[in-house]
Amino acid sequence: MGAMSPSHWAIVAVVLVVLFGSKKLPDAARGLGRSMRILKTEVGELQADASDLEK
């Protein structure tokens, strides 16, 4: 019961399409991808800065 089965994911996908519409979902996914790339870059820079300070 803790893990979501494929049918649960299908229901979530249908609800998202109904709520946001099929035209806005690709733009939202693209924006989320950009945000994740920026976050990954920033975290990497913070880790690099922290390791430079330790040396």
PDB file of N, CA and C in Angstrom:
ATOM      1  N   MET A   1       0.825  -1.203   0.000  1.00  0.00           N
ATOM      2  CA  MET A   1       0.000   0.000   0.000  1.00  0.00           C
ATOM      3  C   MET A   1       0.861   1.254   0.000  1.00  0.00           C
ATOM      4  N   GLY A   2       2.116   1.137   0.505  1.00  0.00           N
ATOM      5  CA  GLY A   2       2.979   2.302   0.573  1.00  0.00           C
ATOM      6  C   GLY A   2       3.474   2.755  -0.792  1.00  0.00           C
ATOM      7  N   ALA A   3       3.779   1.812  -1.670  1.00  0.00           N
ATOM      8  CA  ALA A   3       4.284   2.153  -2.999  1.00  0.00           C
ATOM      9  C   ALA A   3       3.109   2.392  -3.941  1.00  0.00           C
ATOM     10  N   MET A   4       3.326   3.324  -4.835  1.00  0.00           N
ATOM     11  CA  MET A   4       2.261   3.622  -5.789  1.00  0.00           C
ATOM     12  C   MET A   4       2.362   2.667  -6.973  1.00  0.00           C
ATOM     13  N   SER A   5       1.254   2.070  -7.316  1.00  0.00           N
ATOM     14  CA  SER A   5       1.212   1.153  -8.450  1.00  0.00           C
ATOM     15  C   SER A   5       1.048   1.951  -9.741  1.00  0.00           C
ATOM     16  N   PRO A   6       1.243   1.308 -10.891  1.00  0.00           N
ATOM     17  CA  PRO A   6       1.069   2.019 -12.164  1.00  0.00           C
ATOM     18  C   PRO A   6      -0.320   2.628 -12.336  1.00  0.00           C
ATOM     19  N   SER A   7      -1.332   1.996 -11.789  1.00  0.00           N
ATOM     20  CA  SER A   7      -2.675   2.574 -11.907  1.00  0.00           C
ATOM     21  C   SER A   7      -2.786   3.881 -11.125  1.00  0.00           C
ATOM     22  N   HIS A   8      -2.090   3.966  -9.987  1.00  0.00           N
ATOM     23  CA  HIS A   8      -2.079   5.228  -9.233  1.00  0.00           C
ATOM     24  C   HIS A   8      -1.420   6.333 -10.049  1.00  0.00           C
ATOM     25  N   TRP A   9      -0.298   6.006 -10.692  1.00  0.00           N
ATOM     26  CA  TRP A   9       0.395   7.004 -11.512  1.00  0.00           C
ATOM     27  C   TRP A   9      -0.468   7.458 -12.682  1.00  0.00           C
ATOM     28  N   ALA A  10      -1.228   6.544 -13.264  1.00  0.00           N
ATOM     29  CA  ALA A  10      -2.124   6.895 -14.368  1.00  0.00           C
ATOM     30  C   ALA A  10      -3.200   7.865 -13.894  1.00  0.00           C
ATOM     31  N   ILE A  11      -3.732   7.631 -12.723  1.00  0.00           N
ATOM     32  CA  ILE A  11      -4.753   8.530 -12.175  1.00  0.00           C
ATOM     33  C   ILE A  11      -4.155   9.910 -11.909  1.00  0.00           C
ATOM     34  N   VAL A  12      -2.945   9.950 -11.368  1.00  0.00           N
ATOM     35  CA  VAL A  12      -2.276  11.229 -11.128  1.00  0.00           C
ATOM     36  C   VAL A  12      -2.054  11.963 -12.448  1.00  0.00           C
ATOM     37  N   ALA A  13      -1.633  11.267 -13.480  1.00  0.00           N
ATOM     38  CA  ALA A  13      -1.410  11.889 -14.790  1.00  0.00           C
ATOM     39  C   ALA A  13      -2.703  12.458 -15.359  1.00  0.00           C
ATOM     40  N   VAL A  14      -3.787  11.724 -15.242  1.00  0.00           N
ATOM     41  CA  VAL A  14      -5.081  12.201 -15.752  1.00  0.00           C
ATOM     42  C   VAL A  14      -5.516  13.445 -14.989  1.00  0.00           C
ATOM     43  N   VAL A  15      -5.347  13.442 -13.682  1.00  0.00           N
ATOM     44  CA  VAL A  15      -5.736  14.609 -12.879  1.00  0.00           C
ATOM     45  C   VAL A  15      -4.907  15.831 -13.276  1.00  0.00           C
ATOM     46  N   LEU A  16      -3.604  15.647 -13.509  1.00  0.00           N
ATOM     47  CA  LEU A  16      -2.760  16.772 -13.933  1.00  0.00           C
ATOM     48  C   LEU A  16      -3.196  17.332 -15.275  1.00  0.00           C
ATOM     49  N   VAL A  17      -3.519  16.457 -16.213  1.00  0.00           N
ATOM     50  CA  VAL A  17      -3.968  16.918 -17.532  1.00  0.00           C
ATOM     51  C   VAL A  17      -5.282  17.666 -17.407  1.00  0.00           C
ATOM     52  N   VAL A  18      -6.169  17.178 -16.582  1.00  0.00           N
ATOM     53  CA  VAL A  18      -7.461  17.854 -16.398  1.00  0.00           C
ATOM     54  C   VAL A  18      -7.277  19.208 -15.735  1.00  0.00           C
ATOM     55  N   LEU A  19      -6.419  19.273 -14.718  1.00  0.00           N
ATOM     56  CA  LEU A  19      -6.235  20.529 -13.991  1.00  0.00           C
ATOM     57  C   LEU A  19      -5.504  21.588 -14.813  1.00  0.00           C
ATOM     58  N   PHE A  20      -4.419  21.194 -15.468  1.00  0.00           N
ATOM     59  CA  PHE A  20      -3.567  22.173 -16.127  1.00  0.00           C
ATOM     60  C   PHE A  20      -3.757  22.240 -17.631  1.00  0.00           C
ATOM     61  N   GLY A  21      -4.378  21.274 -18.221  1.00  0.00           N
ATOM     62  CA  GLY A  21      -4.546  21.267 -19.663  1.00  0.00           C
ATOM     63  C   GLY A  21      -3.307  20.720 -20.349  1.00  0.00           C
ATOM     64  N   SER A  22      -3.508  20.123 -21.489  1.00  0.00           N
ATOM     65  CA  SER A  22      -2.399  19.465 -22.183  1.00  0.00           C
ATOM     66  C   SER A  22      -1.405  20.453 -22.784  1.00  0.00           C
ATOM     67  N   LYS A  23      -1.807  21.695 -22.991  1.00  0.00           N
ATOM     68  CA  LYS A  23      -0.895  22.677 -23.593  1.00  0.00           C
ATOM     69  C   LYS A  23       0.096  23.246 -22.580  1.00  0.00           C
ATOM     70  N   LYS A  24      -0.276  23.341 -21.327  1.00  0.00           N
ATOM     71  CA  LYS A  24       0.596  23.945 -20.321  1.00  0.00           C
ATOM     72  C   LYS A  24       1.570  22.956 -19.697  1.00  0.00           C
ATOM     73  N   LEU A  25       1.283  21.666 -19.772  1.00  0.00           N
ATOM     74  CA  LEU A  25       2.141  20.672 -19.136  1.00  0.00           C
ATOM     75  C   LEU A  25       3.552  20.627 -19.711  1.00  0.00           C
ATOM     76  N   PRO A  26       3.753  20.664 -21.044  1.00  0.00           N
ATOM     77  CA  PRO A  26       5.133  20.671 -21.548  1.00  0.00           C
ATOM     78  C   PRO A  26       5.926  21.896 -21.095  1.00  0.00           C
ATOM     79  N   ASP A  27       5.280  23.049 -21.050  1.00  0.00           N
ATOM     80  CA  ASP A  27       5.960  24.262 -20.583  1.00  0.00           C
ATOM     81  C   ASP A  27       6.329  24.132 -19.106  1.00  0.00           C
ATOM     82  N   ALA A  28       5.438  23.566 -18.320  1.00  0.00           N
ATOM     83  CA  ALA A  28       5.722  23.381 -16.897  1.00  0.00           C
ATOM     84  C   ALA A  28       6.871  22.397 -16.708  1.00  0.00           C
ATOM     85  N   ALA A  29       6.885  21.326 -17.480  1.00  0.00           N
ATOM     86  CA  ALA A  29       7.970  20.341 -17.378  1.00  0.00           C
ATOM     87  C   ALA A  29       9.298  20.950 -17.811  1.00  0.00           C
ATOM     88  N   ARG A  30       9.265  21.768 -18.842  1.00  0.00           N
ATOM     89  CA  ARG A  30      10.483  22.427 -19.317  1.00  0.00           C
ATOM     90  C   ARG A  30      11.018  23.380 -18.245  1.00  0.00           C
ATOM     91  N   GLY A  31      10.141  24.140 -17.634  1.00  0.00           N
ATOM     92  CA  GLY A  31      10.552  25.052 -16.569  1.00  0.00           C
ATOM     93  C   GLY A  31      11.100  24.309 -15.361  1.00  0.00           C
ATOM     94  N   LEU A  32      10.487  23.182 -15.025  1.00  0.00           N
ATOM     95  CA  LEU A  32      10.979  22.376 -13.916  1.00  0.00           C
ATOM     96  C   LEU A  32      12.362  21.819 -14.230  1.00  0.00           C
ATOM     97  N   GLY A  33      12.574  21.387 -15.469  1.00  0.00           N
ATOM     98  CA  GLY A  33      13.883  20.877 -15.873  1.00  0.00           C
ATOM     99  C   GLY A  33      14.958  21.942 -15.783  1.00  0.00           C
ATOM    100  N   ARG A  34      14.636  23.147 -16.226  1.00  0.00           N
ATOM    101  CA  ARG A  34      15.597  24.255 -16.136  1.00  0.00           C
ATOM    102  C   ARG A  34      15.937  24.560 -14.684  1.00  0.00           C
ATOM    103  N   SER A  35      14.911  24.583 -13.848  1.00  0.00           N
ATOM    104  CA  SER A  35      15.136  24.862 -12.429  1.00  0.00           C
ATOM    105  C   SER A  35      16.011  23.801 -11.785  1.00  0.00           C
ATOM    106  N   MET A  36      15.793  22.540 -12.134  1.00  0.00           N
ATOM    107  CA  MET A  36      16.595  21.458 -11.574  1.00  0.00           C
ATOM    108  C   MET A  36      18.047  21.554 -12.028  1.00  0.00           C
ATOM    109  N   ARG A  37      18.269  21.934 -13.303  1.00  0.00           N
ATOM    110  CA  ARG A  37      19.647  22.099 -13.793  1.00  0.00           C
ATOM    111  C   ARG A  37      20.352  23.229 -13.059  1.00  0.00           C
ATOM    112  N   ILE A  38      19.649  24.339 -12.838  1.00  0.00           N
ATOM    113  CA  ILE A  38      20.230  25.473 -12.119  1.00  0.00           C
ATOM    114  C   ILE A  38      20.563  25.068 -10.686  1.00  0.00           C
ATOM    115  N   LEU A  39      19.634  24.358 -10.037  1.00  0.00           N
ATOM    116  CA  LEU A  39      19.866  23.910  -8.670  1.00  0.00           C
ATOM    117  C   LEU A  39      21.068  22.972  -8.598  1.00  0.00           C
ATOM    118  N   LYS A  40      21.171  22.050  -9.542  1.00  0.00           N
ATOM    119  CA  LYS A  40      22.292  21.110  -9.563  1.00  0.00           C
ATOM    120  C   LYS A  40      23.613  21.852  -9.726  1.00  0.00           C
ATOM    121  N   THR A  41      23.646  22.850 -10.603  1.00  0.00           N
ATOM    122  CA  THR A  41      24.850  23.644 -10.816  1.00  0.00           C
ATOM    123  C   THR A  41      25.236  24.403  -9.550  1.00  0.00           C
ATOM    124  N   GLU A  42      24.261  25.025  -8.917  1.00  0.00           N
ATOM    125  CA  GLU A  42      24.531  25.807  -7.708  1.00  0.00           C
ATOM    126  C   GLU A  42      25.023  24.925  -6.566  1.00  0.00           C
ATOM    127  N   VAL A  43      24.420  23.766  -6.398  1.00  0.00           N
ATOM    128  CA  VAL A  43      24.853  22.855  -5.341  1.00  0.00           C
ATOM    129  C   VAL A  43      26.278  22.381  -5.613  1.00  0.00           C
ATOM    130  N   GLY A  44      26.586  22.091  -6.864  1.00  0.00           N
ATOM    131  CA  GLY A  44      27.941  21.685  -7.221  1.00  0.00           C
ATOM    132  C   GLY A  44      28.952  22.768  -6.923  1.00  0.00           C
ATOM    133  N   GLU A  45      28.595  24.017  -7.217  1.00  0.00           N
ATOM    134  CA  GLU A  45      29.495  25.138  -6.922  1.00  0.00           C
ATOM    135  C   GLU A  45      29.681  25.312  -5.417  1.00  0.00           C
ATOM    136  N   LEU A  46      28.606  25.149  -4.653  1.00  0.00           N
ATOM    137  CA  LEU A  46      28.718  25.253  -3.196  1.00  0.00           C
ATOM    138  C   LEU A  46      29.619  24.160  -2.635  1.00  0.00           C
ATOM    139  N   GLN A  47      29.488  22.947  -3.144  1.00  0.00           N
ATOM    140  CA  GLN A  47      30.331  21.853  -2.678  1.00  0.00           C
ATOM    141  C   GLN A  47      31.786  22.088  -3.058  1.00  0.00           C
ATOM    142  N   ALA A  48      32.017  22.630  -4.250  1.00  0.00           N
ATOM    143  CA  ALA A  48      33.382  22.922  -4.682  1.00  0.00           C
ATOM    144  C   ALA A  48      33.992  24.022  -3.801  1.00  0.00           C
ATOM    145  N   ASP A  49      33.204  25.037  -3.496  1.00  0.00           N
ATOM    146  CA  ASP A  49      33.685  26.109  -2.624  1.00  0.00           C
ATOM    147  C   ASP A  49      33.991  25.573  -1.225  1.00  0.00           C
ATOM    148  N   ALA A  50      33.156  24.703  -0.719  1.00  0.00           N
ATOM    149  CA  ALA A  50      33.362  24.139   0.615  1.00  0.00           C
ATOM    150  C   ALA A  50      34.624  23.284   0.643  1.00  0.00           C
ATOM    151  N   SER A  51      34.851  22.525  -0.412  1.00  0.00           N
ATOM    152  CA  SER A  51      36.051  21.679  -0.428  1.00  0.00           C
ATOM    153  C   SER A  51      37.314  22.536  -0.588  1.00  0.00           C
ATOM    154  N   ASP A  52      37.211  23.665  -1.294  1.00  0.00           N
ATOM    155  CA  ASP A  52      38.359  24.580  -1.417  1.00  0.00           C
ATOM    156  C   ASP A  52      38.688  25.232  -0.073  1.00  0.00           C
ATOM    157  N   LEU A  53      37.655  25.535   0.721  1.00  0.00           N
ATOM    158  CA  LEU A  53      37.891  26.153   2.021  1.00  0.00           C
ATOM    159  C   LEU A  53      38.527  25.178   3.008  1.00  0.00           C
ATOM    160  N   GLU A  54      38.235  23.894   2.862  1.00  0.00           N
ATOM    161  CA  GLU A  54      38.780  22.893   3.774  1.00  0.00           C
ATOM    162  C   GLU A  54      40.262  22.657   3.513  1.00  0.00           C
ATOM    163  N   LYS A  55      40.730  22.928   2.322  1.00  0.00           N
ATOM    164  CA  LYS A  55      42.148  22.660   1.972  1.00  0.00           C
ATOM    165  C   LYS A  55      43.063  23.722   2.447  1.00  0.00           C
TER     166      LYS A  55
END
